[in-house]
Protein backbone atom coordinates (compact mmCIF):
# COMPACT_ATOMS: atom_id res chain seq x y z
CA MET A 1 0.00 0.00 0.00
CA VAL A 2 1.09 3.58 -0.63
CA SER A 3 1.99 5.11 2.73
CA ALA A 4 2.74 8.68 1.58
CA TRP A 5 2.19 10.75 -1.57
CA GLN A 6 3.77 14.07 -2.52
CA PHE A 7 2.80 15.92 -5.69
CA GLU A 8 4.19 19.23 -6.91
CA ASN A 9 2.50 21.14 -9.69
CA TRP A 10 3.36 24.23 -11.78
CA SER A 11 0.46 25.87 -13.59
CA ALA A 12 -0.80 29.12 -15.01
CA SER A 13 -4.32 30.20 -14.17
CA HIS A 14 -7.02 28.91 -16.49
CA SER A 15 -9.64 31.50 -15.64
CA THR A 16 -10.05 34.71 -17.63
CA GLY A 17 -10.97 36.59 -14.47
CA GLU A 18 -7.92 35.34 -12.61
CA SER A 19 -5.59 36.03 -15.52
CA GLY A 20 -6.53 39.69 -15.33
CA ASN A 21 -4.88 39.96 -11.91
CA MET A 22 -1.44 38.60 -12.83
CA LEU A 23 0.44 41.62 -11.46
CA ALA A 24 -1.19 41.26 -8.05
CA TRP A 25 -0.47 37.55 -7.90
CA ARG A 26 3.12 38.05 -9.01
CA ALA A 27 3.55 40.47 -6.11
CA LEU A 28 2.09 37.85 -3.75
CA GLY A 29 4.18 35.08 -5.28
CA SER A 30 1.19 32.77 -5.61
CA ASN A 31 -2.43 32.54 -6.62
CA PRO A 32 -4.68 32.73 -3.55
CA SER A 33 -7.27 30.61 -5.38
CA HIS A 34 -4.69 27.90 -6.04
CA LEU A 35 -7.32 25.19 -6.50
CA ARG A 36 -8.11 26.81 -9.84
CA LEU A 37 -4.62 25.78 -10.93
CA SER A 38 -4.56 22.19 -9.74
CA GLY A 39 -6.42 20.48 -12.60
CA ALA A 40 -6.86 17.21 -10.68
CA ALA A 41 -3.58 17.51 -8.80
CA GLU A 42 -5.56 17.33 -5.57
CA THR A 43 -7.39 14.34 -6.93
CA PRO A 44 -10.25 12.74 -5.02
CA THR A 45 -9.43 9.45 -6.75
CA TYR A 46 -7.00 8.03 -4.19
CA PRO A 47 -7.49 9.03 -0.53
CA PHE A 48 -3.89 8.43 0.52
CA VAL A 49 -3.48 8.68 4.28
CA ASN A 50 -0.48 11.02 4.02
CA GLN A 51 -0.82 13.33 1.04
CA LYS A 52 0.91 16.62 0.27
CA VAL A 53 0.09 18.63 -2.87
CA VAL A 54 1.84 21.91 -3.66
CA SER A 55 0.61 24.06 -6.57
CA HIS A 56 2.81 26.87 -7.91
CA TYR A 57 1.40 29.76 -9.91
CA THR A 58 3.29 30.57 -13.12
CA GLU A 59 2.62 33.29 -15.66
CA GLU A 60 0.81 31.84 -18.65
CA ILE A 61 2.62 31.62 -21.99
CA VAL A 62 -0.44 30.90 -24.12
CA ARG A 63 -4.10 31.29 -23.16
CA ALA A 64 -5.41 27.78 -22.55
CA VAL A 65 -8.63 28.65 -20.75
CA TYR A 66 -10.90 27.26 -23.46
CA MET A 67 -9.26 23.84 -23.78
CA ARG A 68 -11.14 20.89 -22.33
CA SER A 69 -9.60 19.99 -18.96
CA VAL A 70 -6.74 22.47 -18.97
CA GLY A 71 -4.53 20.89 -16.31
CA GLY A 72 -6.26 17.56 -15.84
CA ILE A 73 -4.50 15.66 -18.62
CA GLN A 74 -1.00 16.53 -17.42
CA ASN A 75 -1.70 15.80 -13.77
CA VAL A 76 -3.63 12.57 -14.32
CA PHE A 77 -0.90 11.51 -16.76
CA ALA A 78 1.62 11.88 -13.94
CA ILE A 79 -0.58 10.33 -11.24
CA GLU A 80 -1.75 7.33 -13.26
CA SER A 81 1.72 6.68 -14.71
CA MET A 82 3.07 6.60 -11.16
CA MET A 83 0.29 4.26 -10.04
CA ASP A 84 1.33 1.82 -12.77
CA MET A 85 4.97 2.10 -11.74
CA LEU A 86 4.04 1.44 -8.11
CA ALA A 87 1.87 -1.52 -9.11
CA GLU A 88 4.83 -3.05 -10.94
CA LYS A 89 7.07 -2.36 -7.93
CA ALA A 90 4.56 -4.15 -5.71
CA GLY A 91 4.15 -7.03 -8.16
CA VAL A 92 0.38 -6.43 -8.37
CA ASP A 93 -1.91 -6.22 -11.40
CA PRO A 94 -2.53 -2.52 -12.27
CA VAL A 95 -6.33 -2.81 -11.92
CA GLU A 96 -6.10 -4.68 -8.64
CA PHE A 97 -3.51 -2.22 -7.29
CA ARG A 98 -5.84 0.70 -7.98
CA LEU A 99 -8.79 -1.07 -6.38
CA ARG A 100 -6.73 -1.53 -3.20
CA HIS A 101 -6.26 2.25 -2.99
CA LEU A 102 -9.86 3.29 -3.70
CA SER A 103 -12.45 3.92 -1.00
CA ASP A 104 -15.25 5.46 -3.08
CA GLU A 105 -17.68 2.79 -4.25
CA ARG A 106 -18.70 4.65 -7.41
CA THR A 107 -15.09 4.87 -8.54
CA LYS A 108 -14.58 1.16 -7.83
CA THR A 109 -17.74 0.26 -9.73
CA VAL A 110 -16.66 2.22 -12.83
CA LEU A 111 -13.20 0.64 -12.78
CA ARG A 112 -14.62 -2.88 -12.44
CA ALA A 113 -17.24 -2.28 -15.13
CA THR A 114 -14.60 -1.03 -17.58
CA ALA A 115 -12.29 -3.96 -16.80
CA ASP A 116 -15.22 -6.35 -17.44
CA LEU A 117 -16.07 -4.55 -20.70
CA ALA A 118 -12.47 -4.88 -21.90
CA LYS A 119 -12.18 -8.47 -20.60
CA TRP A 120 -9.12 -7.42 -18.59
CA LYS A 121 -7.07 -10.39 -17.40
CA PRO A 122 -4.45 -10.04 -14.65
CA GLY A 123 -0.94 -10.83 -15.81
CA SER A 124 0.90 -9.78 -18.94
CA GLN A 125 -0.92 -7.14 -20.99
CA ALA A 126 1.56 -7.37 -23.87
CA GLY A 127 2.36 -9.21 -27.08
CA SER A 128 4.77 -8.97 -30.00
CA ASN A 129 4.82 -9.77 -33.71
CA GLY A 130 8.13 -8.76 -35.27
CA ASP A 131 8.53 -5.00 -35.10
CA LEU A 132 4.97 -4.59 -33.86
CA ALA A 133 4.47 -4.68 -30.10
CA THR A 134 1.01 -4.66 -28.53
CA GLY A 135 0.05 -3.56 -25.06
CA ARG A 136 -2.88 -2.65 -22.84
CA GLY A 137 -3.09 0.13 -20.27
CA VAL A 138 -5.55 1.64 -17.83
CA ALA A 139 -6.13 5.05 -16.24
CA LEU A 140 -8.95 6.53 -14.19
CA ILE A 141 -10.17 9.57 -12.35
CA GLY A 142 -12.70 9.74 -9.55
CA GLY A 143 -15.54 12.23 -9.62
CA ALA A 144 -14.51 15.75 -8.64
CA ARG A 145 -17.47 16.11 -6.33
CA SER A 146 -16.23 19.24 -4.57
CA ALA A 147 -14.83 21.08 -7.57
CA PRO A 148 -14.08 24.67 -6.47
CA TRP A 149 -15.43 26.21 -9.68
CA GLY A 150 -18.98 25.14 -8.92
CA TYR A 151 -19.66 21.96 -10.91
CA ALA A 152 -18.76 18.32 -10.47
CA LEU A 153 -17.20 15.93 -12.98
CA ALA A 154 -18.02 12.34 -13.89
CA TYR A 155 -16.21 9.21 -12.71
CA THR A 156 -14.19 7.82 -15.62
CA THR A 157 -11.98 4.83 -16.46
CA THR A 158 -10.26 4.28 -19.81
CA ILE A 159 -8.56 1.09 -21.01
CA VAL A 160 -6.75 1.10 -24.37
CA ASP A 161 -5.12 -1.48 -26.61
CA VAL A 162 -2.21 -0.09 -28.61
CA ASP A 163 0.19 -1.16 -31.34
CA VAL A 164 3.72 0.24 -31.19
CA ASN A 165 6.01 0.05 -34.21
CA LYS A 166 9.42 -0.40 -32.60
CA GLN A 167 11.23 0.78 -35.72
CA THR A 168 9.29 3.98 -36.41
CA GLY A 169 8.03 4.71 -32.90
CA ALA A 170 4.48 5.18 -34.19
CA ILE A 171 1.64 4.40 -31.76
CA ARG A 172 -1.81 3.33 -32.93
CA VAL A 173 -4.69 3.06 -30.48
CA ARG A 174 -6.70 0.12 -31.82
CA ARG A 175 -9.41 -0.13 -29.18
CA ALA A 176 -10.63 2.07 -26.35
CA TYR A 177 -12.96 0.97 -23.57
CA VAL A 178 -14.53 3.68 -21.43
CA GLY A 179 -16.54 3.37 -18.22
CA PHE A 180 -18.56 6.39 -17.17
CA ASP A 181 -20.69 7.37 -14.20
CA ALA A 182 -22.20 10.81 -14.82
CA GLY A 183 -25.05 10.35 -12.38
CA MET A 184 -28.62 10.33 -13.69
CA ILE A 185 -28.52 10.05 -17.49
CA VAL A 186 -30.98 12.48 -19.07
CA ASN A 187 -29.84 12.16 -22.70
CA PRO A 188 -28.13 8.77 -23.33
CA ASP A 189 -27.16 9.53 -26.93
CA GLY A 190 -25.78 12.95 -26.02
CA LEU A 191 -23.72 11.40 -23.23
CA ARG A 192 -22.24 8.75 -25.54
CA ASN A 193 -21.38 11.48 -28.06
CA GLN A 194 -19.53 13.39 -25.34
CA ILE A 195 -17.63 10.26 -24.28
CA GLU A 196 -16.69 9.23 -27.83
CA GLY A 197 -15.67 12.73 -28.90
CA GLY A 198 -13.78 13.39 -25.69
CA THR A 199 -11.93 10.08 -25.95
CA ILE A 200 -10.81 10.82 -29.52
CA MET A 201 -9.76 14.33 -28.49
CA GLY A 202 -7.79 12.89 -25.56
CA ILE A 203 -6.02 10.44 -27.87
CA SER A 204 -5.22 13.26 -30.29
CA ARG A 205 -3.74 15.40 -27.53
CA ALA A 206 -1.78 12.43 -26.19
CA LEU A 207 -0.22 11.45 -29.52
CA LYS A 208 0.08 14.61 -31.60
CA GLU A 209 -0.83 18.00 -30.19
CA GLU A 210 2.00 20.29 -29.11
CA VAL A 211 2.50 24.05 -29.12
CA THR A 212 5.97 24.95 -30.42
CA PHE A 213 7.94 28.17 -30.05
CA ARG A 214 10.72 30.20 -31.59
CA GLY A 215 11.82 32.51 -28.80
CA ARG A 216 8.57 33.93 -27.41
CA SER A 217 6.62 33.41 -30.63
CA VAL A 218 4.30 30.47 -31.25
CA THR A 219 5.28 28.63 -34.44
CA SER A 220 2.55 25.93 -34.47
CA SER A 221 0.07 28.26 -36.15
CA ASP A 222 -1.57 25.90 -38.67
CA TRP A 223 -2.77 22.29 -38.90
CA ARG A 224 0.47 21.14 -40.52
CA ARG A 225 2.52 22.31 -37.56
CA TYR A 226 -0.19 21.52 -35.01
CA PRO A 227 -1.57 18.22 -36.32
CA VAL A 228 -4.61 16.51 -34.83
CA LEU A 229 -5.81 12.92 -35.08
CA ARG A 230 -7.10 12.00 -38.55
CA PHE A 231 -10.11 9.83 -39.25
CA THR A 232 -7.81 7.02 -40.38
CA GLU A 233 -5.96 7.20 -37.05
CA ALA A 234 -9.03 6.97 -34.81
CA PRO A 235 -9.53 3.72 -32.86
CA ASP A 236 -11.15 0.86 -34.72
CA VAL A 237 -13.40 0.32 -31.71
CA ILE A 238 -14.64 2.55 -28.90
CA GLU A 239 -16.81 0.60 -26.47
CA ILE A 240 -18.62 2.42 -23.67
CA VAL A 241 -20.39 1.35 -20.51
CA THR A 242 -22.48 4.04 -18.82
CA LEU A 243 -23.77 3.57 -15.29
CA ASP A 244 -27.17 5.18 -14.79
CA ASN A 245 -28.29 5.94 -11.23
CA ASP A 246 -30.26 8.40 -9.13
CA HIS A 247 -27.32 10.66 -8.27
CA PRO A 248 -27.38 14.25 -9.62
CA PRO A 249 -26.07 14.59 -13.20
CA LEU A 250 -22.33 15.32 -13.49
CA GLY A 251 -20.24 17.12 -16.10
CA ALA A 252 -19.30 14.84 -19.00
CA GLY A 253 -17.36 17.16 -21.32
CA GLU A 254 -13.96 17.13 -19.65
CA PRO A 255 -13.42 13.67 -18.06
CA PRO A 256 -13.09 11.57 -21.26
CA ASN A 257 -10.26 13.89 -22.38
CA VAL A 258 -8.32 13.33 -19.18
CA THR A 259 -7.63 9.59 -19.00
CA PRO A 260 -6.49 8.47 -22.51
CA ALA A 261 -2.95 9.90 -22.32
CA ALA A 262 -2.03 7.99 -19.16
CA ALA A 263 -3.74 4.82 -20.39
CA ILE A 264 -1.77 5.01 -23.66
CA ALA A 265 1.56 5.59 -21.91
CA ASN A 266 0.87 2.65 -19.60
CA ALA A 267 -0.02 0.49 -22.61
CA VAL A 268 3.19 1.53 -24.40
CA TYR A 269 5.18 0.49 -21.33
CA ALA A 270 3.36 -2.85 -21.21
CA ALA A 271 4.16 -3.38 -24.90
CA THR A 272 7.79 -2.26 -24.97
CA GLY A 273 9.14 -1.78 -21.45
CA ALA A 274 9.80 1.89 -22.26
CA ARG A 275 8.38 4.36 -19.74
CA ILE A 276 7.69 7.74 -21.37
CA THR A 277 7.11 10.60 -18.93
CA ALA A 278 6.45 13.51 -21.31
CA LEU A 279 3.69 14.38 -23.75
CA PRO A 280 2.88 14.17 -26.59
CA LEU A 281 3.86 10.58 -27.32
CA LYS A 282 5.34 11.37 -30.73
CA PRO A 283 7.34 8.77 -32.70
CA GLU A 284 10.70 10.47 -32.06
CA ARG A 285 10.05 10.44 -28.30
CA VAL A 286 9.07 6.77 -28.44
CA ARG A 287 12.18 5.86 -30.45
CA ALA A 288 14.38 7.69 -27.93
CA ALA A 289 12.75 5.83 -25.04
CA LEU A 290 13.19 2.50 -26.79
CA LYS A 291 16.90 3.20 -27.18
CA GLY A 292 17.11 3.72 -23.43
């Protein structure tokens, strides 16, 4: 079991109102509303007994306020990558290791339902066929039930199956399985659309999307230099299990963006033994990791 957890986070504000007061916050050295920066750093997913989270305010370089889940992807990527590393250290299956550290029954139910949907089997999640390595990975986030900005987010688990070309470093997400508890479901089709679209967006951000600079100028100013996932690169299969209940409806736009990146990185590690700790998971980064 994890006995202590320390997480340090650097983030610009992602609120237009807060960004207008940068001079005041620079003078203070921090943002008094630091929870607006955390983006799931202070996650409700794992109630570790001894937990310390420090969030540092940094001046923003580009305005990211309108992106889905501004800080959530980065922080959940770090948290869920570490949980996989700890599971391996403990010699425990990644799903079972997470279940041991969960206390919230809704989070447990979503994780189990997704594992059942994907037919997850404890043990090796990898295979190989020549230069093509296959792997499976998991990542989750508990519902942000006390979100400081006034709304709560759904409970989400994502499991992915990936192919990794060990020569080119290219990653292809073949299948994605998503479990979702957004409380009472009012519009089932609308919810599935949110989950499918958010999952594809999360995969795109994990594999391709990156802002580049020359000095202080942004150079990724068109779709050639800021590529997104193409139709031909989307998963062959996205399977979804939604858990309807009598709880109040929860936000469904951001959570499916948050978990794919960590799930993909964990699947790449299962496939190749290369642990990548930076995003996006571009071929050149994968090749470098494979070389050690």
